[in-house]
Amino acid sequence: MIKVREAVPEDKNGWNDVASKSPSATYAHTWEWKEVIEEGLEIRTLCLVAEDKGEIVGIYPGFLKPIANKPLLKGKYVLFSPLDSTWDYGGPCAISTNLPNEIVNDLVIHMEKIAKIKGAISLRISPFEGETLKTILMERDYRTSARLNSLVDLKNSEKELEQKVRKKWRQYVRKAETNGIQIENVNNEANLKLVYEAILSVHQRENAYLPPYSFFQILFKSFDKNKLWVRAAVFENKIIGGDILFKHRNIVVERYRGVFDDYMGLRPYYLMVWSAIMESKKSGFELYDLGGMPSDEKNGIYFFKSGWGGEIINVDWYVKDVKYQTLKKLKHSMGGK
């Protein structure tokens, strides 16, 4: 019989065992990521485990984000899995047993109940994959909100991968190489800070959220270097940009990337992506995840990421409101809007 309960610190090894084996799990399902969110962003977590005969066979990471700027909802939360501000993947996942559907279903049901007790008025889930989970969520009246991603199949040969890349992008890769751009791994906090500043400069230009540097310091210290991949784009012995990627099971996920504005003309972005794809393939990974993209095909990010030959897939948000009366009162207070 499956038993679902809240996770405790002693569950770390069992939790990570599921995260390392489940095909639906990503780096954002690891215990270390949970700790980075808790410490680096001071977000309250609600994480569940499913046990079968005392063994952890399923996990469900959740993050309770306070609802801001709405006095009527003071003390209320949205349960995110993953946290929206870090743009990862979440949802429940299970290891291969004879009861995978039951495990996932029980985790979904218990999360709705416990999150509601903890003050959540809505749940928002974005899983990486898993048709079983998506079916369960739709049957439980979750609605979807579009989210896209592009996955490059690294099982293709290097020649096939290159042929799939947009011609102009291949030219920009060669231009960056000709310009003398080099991509180097980052192994110390001094260079991590420079990479962060480059990434921050892009987010400031785009008026987009980026976690504080302290978050990345904690990440750098908490994650095994075989799982966290930080690189710098170097020009004339100076760091002009960089990126932060994650390695988990058979996939590499790019999450943050940036270049100082003065060096954009050297095309370092293109070399960073292509070199990451090539190195991921040579290291034996099977998929390269371009880290999410908007659904608007006219958007610049969509255009950039769609040019690398990946398969564009849906990784939608699944949304369910669990405290209807609270939401109804809020809607009424806003004039029915």
Protein backbone atom coordinates (compact mmCIF):
# COMPACT_ATOMS: atom_id res chain seq x y z
CA MET A 1 0.00 0.00 0.00
CA ILE A 2 1.30 3.45 -0.94
CA LYS A 3 1.77 5.95 1.90
CA VAL A 4 2.22 9.66 1.16
CA ARG A 5 3.71 12.08 3.69
CA GLU A 6 5.74 15.29 3.89
CA ALA A 7 9.45 14.87 3.31
CA VAL A 8 11.93 15.21 6.19
CA PRO A 9 15.73 15.74 6.09
CA GLU A 10 16.36 12.03 6.61
CA ASP A 11 14.69 11.36 3.25
CA LYS A 12 17.51 12.97 1.25
CA ASN A 13 19.13 9.77 -0.02
CA GLY A 14 15.84 8.06 -0.84
CA TRP A 15 14.57 11.23 -2.51
CA ASN A 16 17.66 11.55 -4.70
CA ASP A 17 17.45 7.87 -5.59
CA VAL A 18 14.05 8.52 -7.17
CA ALA A 19 15.33 11.72 -8.81
CA SER A 20 18.21 9.79 -10.38
CA LYS A 21 16.05 6.95 -11.70
CA SER A 22 12.70 8.40 -12.73
CA PRO A 23 12.46 9.34 -16.44
CA SER A 24 10.28 12.30 -15.43
CA ALA A 25 12.82 13.76 -12.99
CA THR A 26 15.20 16.62 -13.73
CA TYR A 27 17.91 18.45 -11.79
CA ALA A 28 15.07 20.53 -10.31
CA HIS A 29 13.74 17.39 -8.61
CA THR A 30 16.94 16.83 -6.63
CA TRP A 31 17.16 17.44 -2.90
CA GLU A 32 20.02 19.88 -3.49
CA TRP A 33 17.82 22.08 -5.70
CA LYS A 34 15.18 22.14 -2.96
CA GLU A 35 17.83 23.34 -0.50
CA VAL A 36 19.12 26.00 -2.90
CA ILE A 37 15.59 27.40 -3.31
CA GLU A 38 14.99 27.37 0.44
CA GLU A 39 18.27 29.04 1.35
CA GLY A 40 18.92 31.16 -1.72
CA LEU A 41 15.42 32.56 -2.24
CA GLU A 42 13.93 31.98 1.23
CA ILE A 43 10.95 30.22 -0.30
CA ARG A 44 8.95 27.83 1.84
CA THR A 45 8.85 24.32 0.42
CA LEU A 46 6.19 21.63 0.55
CA CYS A 47 7.70 18.36 -0.61
CA LEU A 48 5.98 14.98 -0.50
CA VAL A 49 7.29 11.43 -0.67
CA ALA A 50 5.42 8.25 -1.51
CA GLU A 51 6.51 5.10 0.28
CA ASP A 52 5.92 1.46 -0.53
CA LYS A 53 6.89 -0.94 2.27
CA GLY A 54 9.13 1.72 3.78
CA GLU A 55 10.96 2.53 0.54
CA ILE A 56 10.62 5.92 -1.14
CA VAL A 57 9.21 5.27 -4.61
CA GLY A 58 7.81 8.70 -5.52
CA ILE A 59 8.57 12.38 -4.89
CA TYR A 60 6.77 15.67 -5.44
CA PRO A 61 8.69 18.95 -4.92
CA GLY A 62 6.55 22.00 -4.23
CA PHE A 63 7.25 25.65 -3.45
CA LEU A 64 4.81 27.90 -1.59
CA LYS A 65 5.16 31.38 -3.03
CA PRO A 66 3.36 34.19 -1.14
CA ILE A 67 0.84 36.20 -3.12
CA ALA A 68 2.08 39.79 -3.18
CA ASN A 69 0.26 43.12 -3.48
CA LYS A 70 -3.20 41.71 -2.75
CA PRO A 71 -4.30 42.58 0.82
CA LEU A 72 -7.26 40.19 0.69
CA LEU A 73 -4.86 37.32 0.05
CA LYS A 74 -2.36 38.10 2.78
CA GLY A 75 -1.02 34.83 4.15
CA LYS A 76 -2.08 32.91 1.04
CA TYR A 77 0.18 31.13 -1.45
CA VAL A 78 0.46 29.63 -4.88
CA LEU A 79 1.97 26.15 -4.87
CA PHE A 80 4.48 26.04 -7.71
CA SER A 81 6.21 22.94 -9.02
CA PRO A 82 8.63 24.15 -10.31
CA LEU A 83 9.11 27.63 -8.88
CA ASP A 84 8.04 30.04 -11.62
CA SER A 85 10.90 32.48 -11.08
CA THR A 86 13.57 29.86 -11.80
CA TRP A 87 11.79 28.43 -14.86
CA ASP A 88 12.54 24.74 -14.32
CA TYR A 89 10.45 21.55 -14.34
CA GLY A 90 8.41 20.01 -11.56
CA GLY A 91 5.52 17.76 -10.72
CA PRO A 92 5.49 14.33 -9.11
CA CYS A 93 7.57 11.46 -10.41
CA ALA A 94 8.04 7.81 -9.49
CA ILE A 95 10.57 5.08 -10.07
CA SER A 96 9.64 2.03 -12.10
CA THR A 97 7.51 -0.24 -9.96
CA ASN A 98 4.38 -2.21 -10.66
CA LEU A 99 2.33 0.76 -9.42
CA PRO A 100 3.71 3.92 -11.12
CA ASN A 101 0.28 5.32 -12.02
CA GLU A 102 -1.04 4.79 -8.52
CA ILE A 103 2.02 6.47 -6.99
CA VAL A 104 1.73 9.58 -9.17
CA ASN A 105 -2.03 9.79 -8.69
CA ASP A 106 -1.71 9.54 -4.90
CA LEU A 107 0.95 12.26 -4.86
CA VAL A 108 -1.26 14.59 -6.92
CA ILE A 109 -4.27 14.06 -4.64
CA HIS A 110 -2.29 14.51 -1.43
CA MET A 111 -0.51 17.63 -2.69
CA GLU A 112 -3.84 19.29 -3.45
CA LYS A 113 -5.13 18.52 0.04
CA ILE A 114 -1.99 19.44 1.97
CA ALA A 115 -1.26 22.57 -0.07
CA LYS A 116 -4.79 23.80 0.63
CA ILE A 117 -4.29 23.23 4.36
CA LYS A 118 -1.00 25.16 4.18
CA GLY A 119 -2.76 28.18 2.66
CA ALA A 120 -2.37 27.62 -1.08
CA ILE A 121 -5.27 28.82 -3.20
CA SER A 122 -3.85 27.57 -6.49
CA LEU A 123 -1.44 24.92 -7.79
CA ARG A 124 0.70 25.40 -10.90
CA ILE A 125 2.63 22.42 -12.25
CA SER A 126 4.97 22.15 -15.25
CA PRO A 127 6.33 18.61 -15.75
CA PHE A 128 9.15 17.76 -18.13
CA GLU A 129 7.43 14.69 -19.52
CA GLY A 130 5.03 11.94 -18.54
CA GLU A 131 1.76 11.35 -20.34
CA THR A 132 0.40 9.50 -17.31
CA LEU A 133 0.80 12.58 -15.13
CA LYS A 134 -0.69 14.88 -17.74
CA THR A 135 -3.72 12.61 -18.07
CA ILE A 136 -4.17 12.55 -14.30
CA LEU A 137 -3.97 16.34 -14.08
CA MET A 138 -6.51 16.87 -16.86
CA GLU A 139 -8.89 14.35 -15.26
CA ARG A 140 -8.63 16.37 -12.04
CA ASP A 141 -9.71 19.56 -13.83
CA TYR A 142 -6.36 21.28 -14.24
CA ARG A 143 -6.33 23.80 -17.07
CA THR A 144 -3.30 24.43 -19.25
CA SER A 145 -1.22 27.51 -19.98
CA ALA A 146 1.13 27.23 -22.95
CA ARG A 147 4.85 26.82 -22.44
CA LEU A 148 7.29 25.59 -25.11
CA ASN A 149 10.77 24.16 -25.22
CA SER A 150 13.23 22.89 -27.79
CA LEU A 151 15.11 19.60 -27.38
CA VAL A 152 18.12 18.70 -29.51
CA ASP A 153 18.53 14.96 -30.07
CA LEU A 154 22.21 14.29 -29.42
CA LYS A 155 21.93 10.74 -30.73
CA ASN A 156 22.25 12.28 -34.20
CA SER A 157 25.75 12.40 -35.67
CA GLU A 158 27.76 15.62 -35.44
CA LYS A 159 27.23 16.15 -39.16
CA GLU A 160 23.46 15.69 -38.81
CA LEU A 161 23.35 18.07 -35.86
CA GLU A 162 25.23 20.73 -37.81
CA GLN A 163 22.99 20.33 -40.86
CA LYS A 164 19.90 20.91 -38.71
CA VAL A 165 21.23 24.25 -37.46
CA ARG A 166 19.99 27.33 -39.31
CA LYS A 167 22.58 28.38 -41.91
CA LYS A 168 22.95 31.89 -40.52
CA TRP A 169 23.56 30.46 -37.05
CA ARG A 170 26.39 28.28 -38.39
CA GLN A 171 27.94 31.36 -39.94
CA TYR A 172 27.72 33.22 -36.63
CA VAL A 173 29.41 30.31 -34.83
CA ARG A 174 32.32 30.51 -37.26
CA LYS A 175 32.42 34.29 -36.89
CA ALA A 176 32.71 34.00 -33.11
CA GLU A 177 35.55 31.52 -33.51
CA THR A 178 37.28 33.80 -36.03
CA ASN A 179 36.87 36.72 -33.63
CA GLY A 180 38.84 34.77 -31.05
CA ILE A 181 36.03 33.97 -28.61
CA GLN A 182 36.90 31.08 -26.31
CA ILE A 183 34.60 29.13 -23.99
CA GLU A 184 36.13 28.10 -20.68
CA ASN A 185 34.80 26.25 -17.64
CA VAL A 186 34.43 28.28 -14.45
CA ASN A 187 35.85 26.73 -11.29
CA ASN A 188 36.01 29.64 -8.84
CA GLU A 189 33.67 32.22 -7.35
CA ALA A 190 35.58 35.20 -8.72
CA ASN A 191 34.79 34.15 -12.28
CA LEU A 192 31.29 33.05 -11.27
CA LYS A 193 30.66 36.64 -10.18
CA LEU A 194 31.75 37.96 -13.59
CA VAL A 195 29.51 35.46 -15.37
CA TYR A 196 26.63 36.49 -13.13
CA GLU A 197 27.19 40.17 -13.92
CA ALA A 198 27.04 39.42 -17.65
CA ILE A 199 23.81 37.45 -17.23
CA LEU A 200 22.39 40.19 -15.00
CA SER A 201 23.15 42.84 -17.63
CA VAL A 202 20.89 41.00 -20.09
CA HIS A 203 18.07 40.62 -17.58
CA GLN A 204 18.29 44.31 -16.74
CA ARG A 205 18.09 45.23 -20.44
CA GLU A 206 15.03 43.03 -20.83
CA ASN A 207 13.52 44.05 -17.47
CA ALA A 208 13.43 40.36 -16.50
CA TYR A 209 13.82 38.74 -13.09
CA LEU A 210 17.11 37.11 -12.10
CA PRO A 211 17.78 35.61 -8.66
CA PRO A 212 20.34 37.51 -6.56
CA TYR A 213 24.01 36.60 -6.71
CA SER A 214 23.77 34.95 -3.29
CA PHE A 215 21.46 32.36 -4.88
CA PHE A 216 24.15 31.43 -7.39
CA GLN A 217 26.82 31.32 -4.69
CA ILE A 218 24.76 28.77 -2.80
CA LEU A 219 24.10 26.87 -6.02
CA PHE A 220 27.82 26.82 -6.83
CA LYS A 221 28.65 25.41 -3.39
CA SER A 222 25.74 22.95 -3.17
CA PHE A 223 25.77 21.23 -6.54
CA ASP A 224 28.32 18.63 -7.54
CA LYS A 225 30.49 19.97 -10.36
CA ASN A 226 29.50 16.94 -12.43
CA LYS A 227 25.93 18.26 -12.33
CA LEU A 228 26.43 22.04 -12.44
CA TRP A 229 28.20 23.40 -15.51
CA VAL A 230 29.30 27.04 -15.44
CA ARG A 231 31.19 28.47 -18.41
CA ALA A 232 32.67 31.81 -19.40
CA ALA A 233 32.95 33.40 -22.83
CA VAL A 234 36.41 34.93 -22.99
CA PHE A 235 37.74 37.58 -25.39
CA GLU A 236 41.30 38.89 -25.14
CA ASN A 237 41.66 37.31 -21.68
CA LYS A 238 38.52 39.05 -20.43
CA ILE A 239 35.23 37.43 -19.44
CA ILE A 240 32.56 39.00 -21.63
CA GLY A 241 29.73 36.57 -20.92
CA GLY A 242 28.87 33.13 -19.71
CA ASP A 243 26.23 30.55 -19.04
CA ILE A 244 24.97 28.15 -16.38
CA LEU A 245 23.77 24.68 -17.32
CA PHE A 246 22.72 21.53 -15.48
CA LYS A 247 23.53 17.89 -16.17
CA HIS A 248 21.09 15.22 -15.02
CA ARG A 249 20.74 11.63 -16.12
CA ASN A 250 20.87 11.73 -19.95
CA ILE A 251 20.16 15.43 -20.48
CA VAL A 252 21.92 18.79 -20.34
CA VAL A 253 19.72 21.82 -19.62
CA GLU A 254 20.81 25.37 -20.30
CA ARG A 255 19.27 27.73 -17.79
CA TYR A 256 21.05 31.10 -17.70
CA ARG A 257 23.17 32.85 -20.33
CA GLY A 258 24.32 36.40 -20.93
CA VAL A 259 26.82 38.63 -22.72
CA PHE A 260 27.78 42.22 -22.00
CA ASP A 261 26.19 44.50 -24.57
CA ASP A 262 29.49 45.86 -25.92
CA TYR A 263 30.50 42.40 -27.14
CA MET A 264 27.28 41.23 -28.78
CA GLY A 265 28.68 41.94 -32.24
CA LEU A 266 31.32 39.24 -31.73
CA ARG A 267 28.49 36.64 -31.73
CA PRO A 268 29.53 34.81 -28.54
CA TYR A 269 25.95 33.59 -27.92
CA TYR A 270 26.09 31.34 -30.96
CA LEU A 271 29.41 29.77 -30.04
CA MET A 272 28.25 29.20 -26.47
CA VAL A 273 25.19 27.25 -27.61
CA TRP A 274 26.97 25.24 -30.29
CA SER A 275 29.96 24.36 -28.10
CA ALA A 276 27.61 23.24 -25.31
CA ILE A 277 25.70 21.01 -27.73
CA MET A 278 28.90 19.47 -29.08
CA GLU A 279 30.49 18.91 -25.68
CA SER A 280 27.26 17.41 -24.33
CA LYS A 281 27.20 14.94 -27.20
CA LYS A 282 30.86 14.00 -26.75
CA SER A 283 30.21 13.43 -23.04
CA GLY A 284 27.53 10.86 -23.86
CA PHE A 285 24.36 12.83 -23.13
CA GLU A 286 21.33 12.08 -25.29
CA LEU A 287 19.36 15.33 -25.13
CA TYR A 288 20.19 19.02 -25.02
CA ASP A 289 17.48 21.24 -23.56
CA LEU A 290 17.47 24.86 -24.76
CA GLY A 291 15.80 26.01 -21.57
CA GLY A 292 12.31 27.09 -22.56
CA MET A 293 10.94 29.51 -25.12
CA PRO A 294 7.87 31.71 -25.62
CA SER A 295 5.01 30.50 -27.79
CA ASP A 296 5.06 33.64 -29.95
CA GLU A 297 6.95 32.72 -33.11
CA LYS A 298 7.73 36.41 -33.73
CA ASN A 299 9.52 36.68 -30.39
CA GLY A 300 13.31 37.05 -30.65
CA ILE A 301 13.98 34.30 -28.11
CA TYR A 302 11.74 31.89 -30.03
CA PHE A 303 13.54 32.76 -33.27
CA PHE A 304 16.97 32.26 -31.70
CA LYS A 305 16.21 28.95 -30.01
CA SER A 306 14.26 27.49 -32.91
CA GLY A 307 17.36 27.78 -35.09
CA TRP A 308 19.34 24.98 -33.45
CA GLY A 309 17.53 22.04 -35.00
CA GLY A 310 15.69 20.89 -31.91
CA GLU A 311 12.20 19.45 -31.64
CA ILE A 312 9.79 22.04 -30.26
CA ILE A 313 7.64 20.45 -27.56
CA ASN A 314 4.97 21.52 -25.10
CA VAL A 315 5.93 21.69 -21.43
CA ASP A 316 2.73 23.46 -20.42
CA TRP A 317 1.75 24.75 -17.03
CA TYR A 318 -1.14 22.84 -15.45
CA VAL A 319 -3.18 25.10 -13.17
CA LYS A 320 -5.85 24.31 -10.59
CA ASP A 321 -7.55 26.61 -8.08
CA VAL A 322 -8.26 24.87 -4.78
CA LYS A 323 -9.89 27.66 -2.74
CA TYR A 324 -12.71 28.89 -4.92
CA GLN A 325 -14.40 31.12 -2.32
CA THR A 326 -11.19 33.05 -1.67
CA LEU A 327 -10.70 33.65 -5.38
CA LYS A 328 -14.35 34.57 -5.79
CA LYS A 329 -14.06 37.24 -3.07
CA LEU A 330 -10.93 38.64 -4.68
CA LYS A 331 -12.62 38.78 -8.07
CA HIS A 332 -15.63 40.55 -6.54
CA SER A 333 -13.38 43.10 -4.79
CA MET A 334 -11.79 43.89 -8.16
CA GLY A 335 -15.11 44.64 -9.76
CA GLY A 336 -15.53 41.21 -11.29
CA LYS A 337 -12.36 41.44 -13.38
